[in-house]
């Protein structure tokens, strides 16, 4: 049975269900409890802290209301407010409850219909959230566990590391534009080993000129670097001799490039470690070999897919996966007009 349709969600709410609307905050949460007819059991919003003691008090409050009013199922609903709901959602899940999410846009619009006031309110928001849950307008959040949680965290770390590498490369490009703009005519890529090796020894054009072509070539020979020849060394020296880069503050300029290149090496090494760990974790996913067989699909794409989707067996229908990805196909039709189908926006 497809439990993700609105009818199925409405059917899951019975007279034995306690619906709890939660307004999530960074430190303090507010909750209100209702039955399936939107009759409120809480006299005032229950306030609890975003810590273990607060969660335990909140659980005891819900259990007390459920026992007093003959409810055997509790459905806590909340907005996915940034990352502040993670700890509460995990606590509720670990204690046998199934937290659900409502769309923040729906909460805003529904509240405007109730009181014509779009302002956030700790008392009104839990009621609006509970009403949306009662109407079946909610979704089940996916909180990955085990190997899927590991892959999601590793994928996020890889993305953050890649962002840092991009920032560093942009800052290095800025440095070259100021102090050695001719460098790009010699090396198209920052990752060229022979170029980085010289920059670590002689960052500024004046430093490269002092080495001379023989000095540059000597550094490459001592490192047993292949592909770096005297011709390239002379080209680099010529670029340094005719450089129009700034010659001001040479000490701080050398320090800046040294720090940037060190940071670049650190993050590149970190990225390599993350990719290796991701590959090790992916081998434990039963269907990952099918993904890797797809032409043009590699380790990063597959890990990102699994990080977002998690256990694919939790879906009842392929269309649910399309909807999650934002690729649900919709028809454009009105009356006798039948337009073309397109990807949902």
Protein backbone atom coordinates (compact mmCIF):
# COMPACT_ATOMS: atom_id res chain seq x y z
CA UNK A 1 0.00 0.00 0.00
CA UNK A 2 1.26 3.48 -0.85
CA UNK A 3 1.36 5.30 2.49
CA UNK A 4 2.52 8.57 0.93
CA UNK A 5 -0.74 9.60 -0.74
CA UNK A 6 -2.85 12.23 0.98
CA UNK A 7 -5.74 9.79 1.38
CA UNK A 8 -3.48 7.29 3.11
CA UNK A 9 -2.14 10.01 5.41
CA UNK A 10 -5.68 11.13 6.32
CA UNK A 11 -6.71 7.52 6.93
CA UNK A 12 -3.79 7.09 9.34
CA UNK A 13 -5.34 9.74 11.63
CA UNK A 14 -8.20 8.30 13.69
CA UNK A 15 -10.09 9.16 16.87
CA UNK A 16 -7.29 7.38 18.76
CA UNK A 17 -4.65 9.75 17.36
CA UNK A 18 -3.08 12.63 19.28
CA UNK A 19 -1.77 15.28 16.89
CA UNK A 20 0.99 17.50 18.28
CA UNK A 21 2.03 20.66 16.45
CA UNK A 22 5.56 21.84 17.27
CA UNK A 23 7.06 25.25 16.54
CA UNK A 24 10.80 24.52 16.34
CA UNK A 25 13.33 27.08 17.58
CA UNK A 26 17.10 27.13 18.04
CA UNK A 27 16.86 26.79 21.84
CA UNK A 28 13.15 26.69 22.79
CA UNK A 29 10.30 24.71 21.19
CA UNK A 30 6.55 25.22 21.64
CA UNK A 31 3.91 22.50 21.25
CA UNK A 32 0.11 22.20 21.26
CA UNK A 33 -1.95 18.98 21.21
CA UNK A 34 -5.20 18.29 19.29
CA UNK A 35 -7.49 15.40 18.43
CA UNK A 36 -8.63 14.39 14.94
CA UNK A 37 -11.45 17.00 15.04
CA UNK A 38 -8.97 19.80 15.83
CA UNK A 39 -10.21 19.94 19.43
CA UNK A 40 -7.35 21.21 21.58
CA UNK A 41 -6.26 19.34 24.70
CA UNK A 42 -3.47 21.71 25.73
CA UNK A 43 -4.65 24.78 27.64
CA UNK A 44 -1.55 26.72 26.62
CA UNK A 45 1.54 26.03 24.47
CA UNK A 46 3.94 23.61 26.13
CA UNK A 47 7.41 25.14 26.22
CA UNK A 48 10.47 22.89 26.33
CA UNK A 49 14.21 23.28 25.79
CA UNK A 50 16.30 21.84 22.97
CA UNK A 51 18.16 19.43 25.25
CA UNK A 52 17.73 16.01 26.85
CA UNK A 53 15.79 17.28 29.86
CA UNK A 54 13.46 19.26 27.63
CA UNK A 55 12.84 16.29 25.34
CA UNK A 56 12.07 14.02 28.29
CA UNK A 57 9.61 16.57 29.71
CA UNK A 58 7.98 16.89 26.28
CA UNK A 59 7.64 13.11 25.95
CA UNK A 60 6.09 12.88 29.43
CA UNK A 61 3.65 15.70 28.55
CA UNK A 62 2.52 13.91 25.36
CA UNK A 63 2.19 10.56 27.13
CA UNK A 64 0.12 12.13 29.91
CA UNK A 65 -2.27 13.76 27.41
CA UNK A 66 -2.55 10.55 25.38
CA UNK A 67 -3.37 8.49 28.49
CA UNK A 68 -5.92 10.97 29.87
CA UNK A 69 -7.79 11.20 26.54
CA UNK A 70 -7.54 7.57 25.45
CA UNK A 71 -5.11 8.01 22.58
CA UNK A 72 -2.75 5.23 21.53
CA UNK A 73 -0.94 6.95 18.61
CA UNK A 74 0.97 10.24 18.70
CA UNK A 75 1.86 12.12 15.50
CA UNK A 76 4.27 15.02 16.15
CA UNK A 77 4.34 17.53 13.29
CA UNK A 78 6.86 20.33 12.74
CA UNK A 79 8.39 22.60 10.13
CA UNK A 80 11.85 21.56 8.88
CA UNK A 81 13.43 24.72 10.31
CA UNK A 82 17.06 24.51 9.20
CA UNK A 83 18.95 21.96 11.27
CA UNK A 84 17.25 22.71 14.58
CA UNK A 85 14.73 19.87 14.22
CA UNK A 86 17.35 17.11 13.78
CA UNK A 87 17.91 16.34 17.47
CA UNK A 88 14.20 16.46 18.33
CA UNK A 89 13.25 14.36 15.29
CA UNK A 90 15.84 11.70 16.15
CA UNK A 91 14.66 11.63 19.78
CA UNK A 92 11.04 11.13 18.74
CA UNK A 93 11.99 8.45 16.22
CA UNK A 94 14.07 6.57 18.79
CA UNK A 95 11.09 6.63 21.18
CA UNK A 96 8.72 4.90 18.79
CA UNK A 97 7.06 7.96 17.28
CA UNK A 98 6.99 8.95 13.62
CA UNK A 99 7.63 12.71 13.31
CA UNK A 100 6.23 14.39 10.18
CA UNK A 101 7.04 17.60 8.32
CA UNK A 102 4.74 20.31 7.00
CA UNK A 103 5.73 22.77 4.31
CA UNK A 104 6.69 26.19 5.81
CA UNK A 105 5.03 27.87 2.82
CA UNK A 106 1.78 26.04 3.62
CA UNK A 107 2.02 27.11 7.26
CA UNK A 108 2.37 30.76 6.28
CA UNK A 109 -0.53 30.66 3.81
CA UNK A 110 -2.82 28.72 6.16
CA UNK A 111 -2.15 31.10 9.03
CA UNK A 112 -2.97 34.09 6.83
CA UNK A 113 -6.35 32.50 6.08
CA UNK A 114 -7.02 31.98 9.80
CA UNK A 115 -6.14 35.43 11.16
CA UNK A 116 -4.92 37.45 8.13
CA UNK A 117 -1.59 37.93 9.87
CA UNK A 118 1.61 36.57 8.29
CA UNK A 119 3.74 37.25 11.39
CA UNK A 120 5.25 34.29 13.19
CA UNK A 121 3.70 33.52 16.54
CA UNK A 122 4.76 30.85 19.03
CA UNK A 123 1.14 30.20 19.96
CA UNK A 124 -0.46 30.18 16.50
CA UNK A 125 2.20 28.24 14.58
CA UNK A 126 1.76 24.91 16.46
CA UNK A 127 -1.99 25.07 15.88
CA UNK A 128 -1.57 25.72 12.15
CA UNK A 129 0.98 22.92 11.88
CA UNK A 130 -1.36 20.48 13.66
CA UNK A 131 -4.25 21.46 11.34
CA UNK A 132 -2.13 20.74 8.27
CA UNK A 133 -1.15 17.36 9.70
CA UNK A 134 -4.83 16.60 10.36
CA UNK A 135 -5.59 17.34 6.68
CA UNK A 136 -2.87 14.94 5.52
CA UNK A 137 -0.69 17.78 4.23
CA UNK A 138 2.57 16.47 5.59
CA UNK A 139 5.53 14.37 4.56
CA UNK A 140 7.56 11.75 6.36
CA UNK A 141 11.14 12.97 6.88
CA UNK A 142 13.92 10.55 6.18
CA UNK A 143 16.47 10.32 8.98
CA UNK A 144 19.18 7.97 7.68
CA UNK A 145 20.83 5.46 9.98
CA UNK A 146 23.83 3.17 9.77
CA UNK A 147 25.72 3.09 6.50
CA UNK A 148 23.34 5.59 4.85
CA UNK A 149 24.01 8.15 7.60
CA UNK A 150 27.74 7.66 7.09
CA UNK A 151 27.48 8.22 3.34
CA UNK A 152 25.34 11.33 3.80
CA UNK A 153 27.84 12.86 6.23
CA UNK A 154 30.80 11.97 4.03
CA UNK A 155 29.04 13.45 1.00
CA UNK A 156 28.37 16.69 2.88
CA UNK A 157 32.00 16.84 4.01
CA UNK A 158 33.16 16.29 0.42
CA UNK A 159 30.91 19.10 -0.78
CA UNK A 160 32.21 21.47 1.92
CA UNK A 161 35.82 20.53 1.16
CA UNK A 162 35.30 21.09 -2.56
CA UNK A 163 33.83 24.53 -1.79
CA UNK A 164 36.93 25.41 0.24
CA UNK A 165 39.20 24.29 -2.60
CA UNK A 166 37.28 26.49 -5.02
CA UNK A 167 37.60 29.49 -2.68
CA UNK A 168 41.35 28.92 -2.32
CA UNK A 169 41.80 28.62 -6.10
CA UNK A 170 39.92 31.87 -6.59
CA UNK A 171 42.13 33.62 -4.03
CA UNK A 172 45.25 32.24 -5.70
CA UNK A 173 43.98 33.49 -9.07
CA UNK A 174 43.51 36.91 -7.47
CA UNK A 175 47.08 36.78 -6.12
CA UNK A 176 48.44 36.06 -9.61
CA UNK A 177 46.40 38.90 -11.11
CA UNK A 178 48.09 41.29 -8.70
CA UNK A 179 51.67 39.99 -8.43
CA UNK A 180 52.35 37.74 -11.43
CA UNK A 181 49.64 38.02 -14.15
CA UNK A 182 51.93 36.43 -16.78
CA UNK A 183 51.96 33.11 -14.89
CA UNK A 184 48.77 31.97 -16.67
CA UNK A 185 50.58 32.26 -20.01
CA UNK A 186 53.09 29.66 -18.83
CA UNK A 187 50.76 27.35 -16.92
CA UNK A 188 47.07 27.06 -17.71
CA UNK A 189 46.30 25.01 -14.61
CA UNK A 190 47.14 25.72 -11.00
CA UNK A 191 47.50 21.99 -10.42
CA UNK A 192 50.58 21.68 -12.62
CA UNK A 193 53.17 20.11 -10.33
CA UNK A 194 56.23 21.79 -11.85
CA UNK A 195 54.68 25.25 -11.48
CA UNK A 196 53.62 24.74 -7.84
CA UNK A 197 57.07 23.38 -7.03
CA UNK A 198 58.72 26.60 -8.24
CA UNK A 199 56.17 28.87 -6.56
CA UNK A 200 56.90 27.27 -3.19
CA UNK A 201 60.59 28.08 -3.63
CA UNK A 202 60.27 31.40 -5.47
CA UNK A 203 56.79 32.99 -5.23
CA UNK A 204 57.43 36.40 -6.84
CA UNK A 205 58.74 37.17 -10.34
CA UNK A 206 61.84 38.74 -8.77
CA UNK A 207 62.52 35.48 -6.89
CA UNK A 208 62.17 33.45 -10.09
CA UNK A 209 64.51 35.82 -11.95
CA UNK A 210 67.13 35.36 -9.24
CA UNK A 211 66.98 31.56 -9.71
CA UNK A 212 67.59 31.75 -13.45
CA UNK A 213 66.69 29.03 -15.91
CA UNK A 214 69.40 26.71 -14.55
CA UNK A 215 68.15 27.14 -10.98
CA UNK A 216 64.56 26.39 -12.00
CA UNK A 217 65.62 23.32 -13.97
CA UNK A 218 67.77 22.15 -11.04
CA UNK A 219 64.75 22.12 -8.73
CA UNK A 220 62.88 19.90 -11.18
CA UNK A 221 65.84 17.55 -11.67
CA UNK A 222 66.38 17.09 -7.94
CA UNK A 223 62.70 16.19 -7.61
CA UNK A 224 63.07 13.78 -10.58
CA UNK A 225 60.13 15.46 -12.23
CA UNK A 226 59.29 14.21 -15.70
CA UNK A 227 58.08 16.47 -18.47
CA UNK A 228 59.72 19.63 -17.06
CA UNK A 229 62.47 20.73 -19.44
CA UNK A 230 64.85 23.66 -19.90
CA UNK A 231 62.52 25.10 -22.54
CA UNK A 232 59.74 25.47 -19.98
CA UNK A 233 62.21 26.93 -17.46
CA UNK A 234 63.30 29.60 -19.98
CA UNK A 235 59.65 30.42 -20.75
CA UNK A 236 58.98 30.92 -17.04
CA UNK A 237 62.06 33.14 -16.64
CA UNK A 238 61.02 35.25 -19.65
CA UNK A 239 57.54 35.73 -18.15
CA UNK A 240 59.10 36.77 -14.83
CA UNK A 241 61.47 39.23 -16.53
CA UNK A 242 58.61 40.98 -18.32
CA UNK A 243 56.08 40.81 -15.49
CA UNK A 244 54.01 43.92 -14.79
CA UNK A 245 52.88 42.60 -11.41
CA UNK A 246 52.96 44.70 -8.27
CA UNK A 247 56.29 44.84 -6.43
CA UNK A 248 54.87 46.37 -3.26
CA UNK A 249 54.83 44.53 0.11
CA UNK A 250 56.87 41.54 -1.16
CA UNK A 251 57.20 39.90 2.30
CA UNK A 252 53.45 39.77 2.93
CA UNK A 253 52.85 38.72 -0.71
CA UNK A 254 55.19 35.73 -0.26
CA UNK A 255 53.49 34.85 3.02
CA UNK A 256 50.04 35.05 1.45
CA UNK A 257 50.90 32.71 -1.42
CA UNK A 258 52.68 30.29 0.91
CA UNK A 259 49.60 30.07 3.13
CA UNK A 260 47.28 29.64 0.15
CA UNK A 261 49.37 26.85 -1.37
CA UNK A 262 49.60 25.08 2.01
CA UNK A 263 45.83 25.33 2.46
CA UNK A 264 45.35 24.02 -1.07
CA UNK A 265 47.52 20.96 -0.33
CA UNK A 266 45.68 20.30 2.95
CA UNK A 267 42.23 20.40 1.38
CA UNK A 268 43.30 18.36 -1.65
CA UNK A 269 44.64 15.66 0.67
CA UNK A 270 41.44 15.84 2.75
CA UNK A 271 39.35 15.46 -0.40
CA UNK A 272 41.32 12.38 -1.43
CA UNK A 273 40.78 10.79 1.99
CA UNK A 274 37.05 11.51 1.84
CA UNK A 275 36.70 9.99 -1.63
CA UNK A 276 38.54 6.87 -0.47
CA UNK A 277 36.28 6.50 2.60
CA UNK A 278 33.19 7.07 0.45
CA UNK A 279 34.28 4.37 -1.96
CA UNK A 280 34.77 1.94 0.95
CA UNK A 281 31.30 2.69 2.34
CA UNK A 282 29.61 2.44 -1.07
CA UNK A 283 30.79 -1.15 -1.49
CA UNK A 284 28.43 -2.08 1.36
CA UNK A 285 25.35 -0.85 -0.55
CA UNK A 286 23.81 -3.83 -2.39
CA UNK A 287 22.75 -2.06 -5.60
CA UNK A 288 25.61 0.42 -6.04
CA UNK A 289 27.23 -1.66 -8.80
CA UNK A 290 24.13 -1.09 -10.96
CA UNK A 291 24.58 2.69 -10.59
CA UNK A 292 28.26 2.56 -11.47
CA UNK A 293 27.47 0.67 -14.67
CA UNK A 294 25.55 3.69 -16.04
CA UNK A 295 27.65 5.53 -18.64
CA UNK A 296 28.89 8.89 -17.35
CA UNK A 297 28.07 8.11 -13.71
CA UNK A 298 30.96 8.04 -11.26
CA UNK A 299 31.76 7.83 -7.56
CA UNK A 300 30.78 11.41 -6.70
CA UNK A 301 27.42 11.25 -8.49
CA UNK A 302 26.48 7.89 -6.95
CA UNK A 303 27.51 8.94 -3.44
CA UNK A 304 25.52 12.18 -3.79
CA UNK A 305 22.47 10.22 -4.98
CA UNK A 306 22.61 7.77 -2.07
CA UNK A 307 23.29 10.60 0.39
CA UNK A 308 20.02 12.30 -0.62
CA UNK A 309 17.85 9.25 -1.32
CA UNK A 310 19.18 6.82 1.28
CA UNK A 311 17.72 3.32 1.18
CA UNK A 312 15.91 3.16 -2.15
CA UNK A 313 13.78 0.24 -0.96
CA UNK A 314 11.77 2.65 1.22
CA UNK A 315 9.96 3.93 -1.91
CA UNK A 316 6.76 2.23 -3.05
CA UNK A 317 6.77 3.69 -6.56
CA UNK A 318 9.38 5.17 -8.95
CA UNK A 319 7.26 8.33 -9.19
CA UNK A 320 7.99 9.04 -5.52
CA UNK A 321 11.69 9.16 -6.36
CA UNK A 322 10.99 11.47 -9.29
CA UNK A 323 9.03 13.76 -7.01
CA UNK A 324 11.82 13.80 -4.42
CA UNK A 325 14.29 14.84 -7.13
CA UNK A 326 11.90 17.51 -8.44
CA UNK A 327 11.51 15.71 -11.76
CA UNK A 328 7.83 14.77 -11.46
CA UNK A 329 6.21 14.91 -14.90
CA UNK A 330 3.05 17.02 -15.04
CA UNK A 331 0.50 17.63 -17.80
CA UNK A 332 -0.40 21.07 -19.05
CA UNK A 333 -4.07 20.82 -20.05
CA UNK A 334 -7.24 22.90 -19.75
CA UNK A 335 -10.63 22.02 -21.20
CA UNK A 336 -10.10 20.66 -24.70
CA UNK A 337 -6.52 21.91 -24.78
CA UNK A 338 -3.90 19.24 -24.21
CA UNK A 339 -0.44 20.72 -23.84
CA UNK A 340 2.92 19.01 -23.65
CA UNK A 341 4.11 17.30 -20.48
CA UNK A 342 7.05 18.90 -18.69
CA UNK A 343 9.15 18.60 -15.57
CA UNK A 344 7.44 20.01 -12.49
CA UNK A 345 8.91 23.25 -11.19
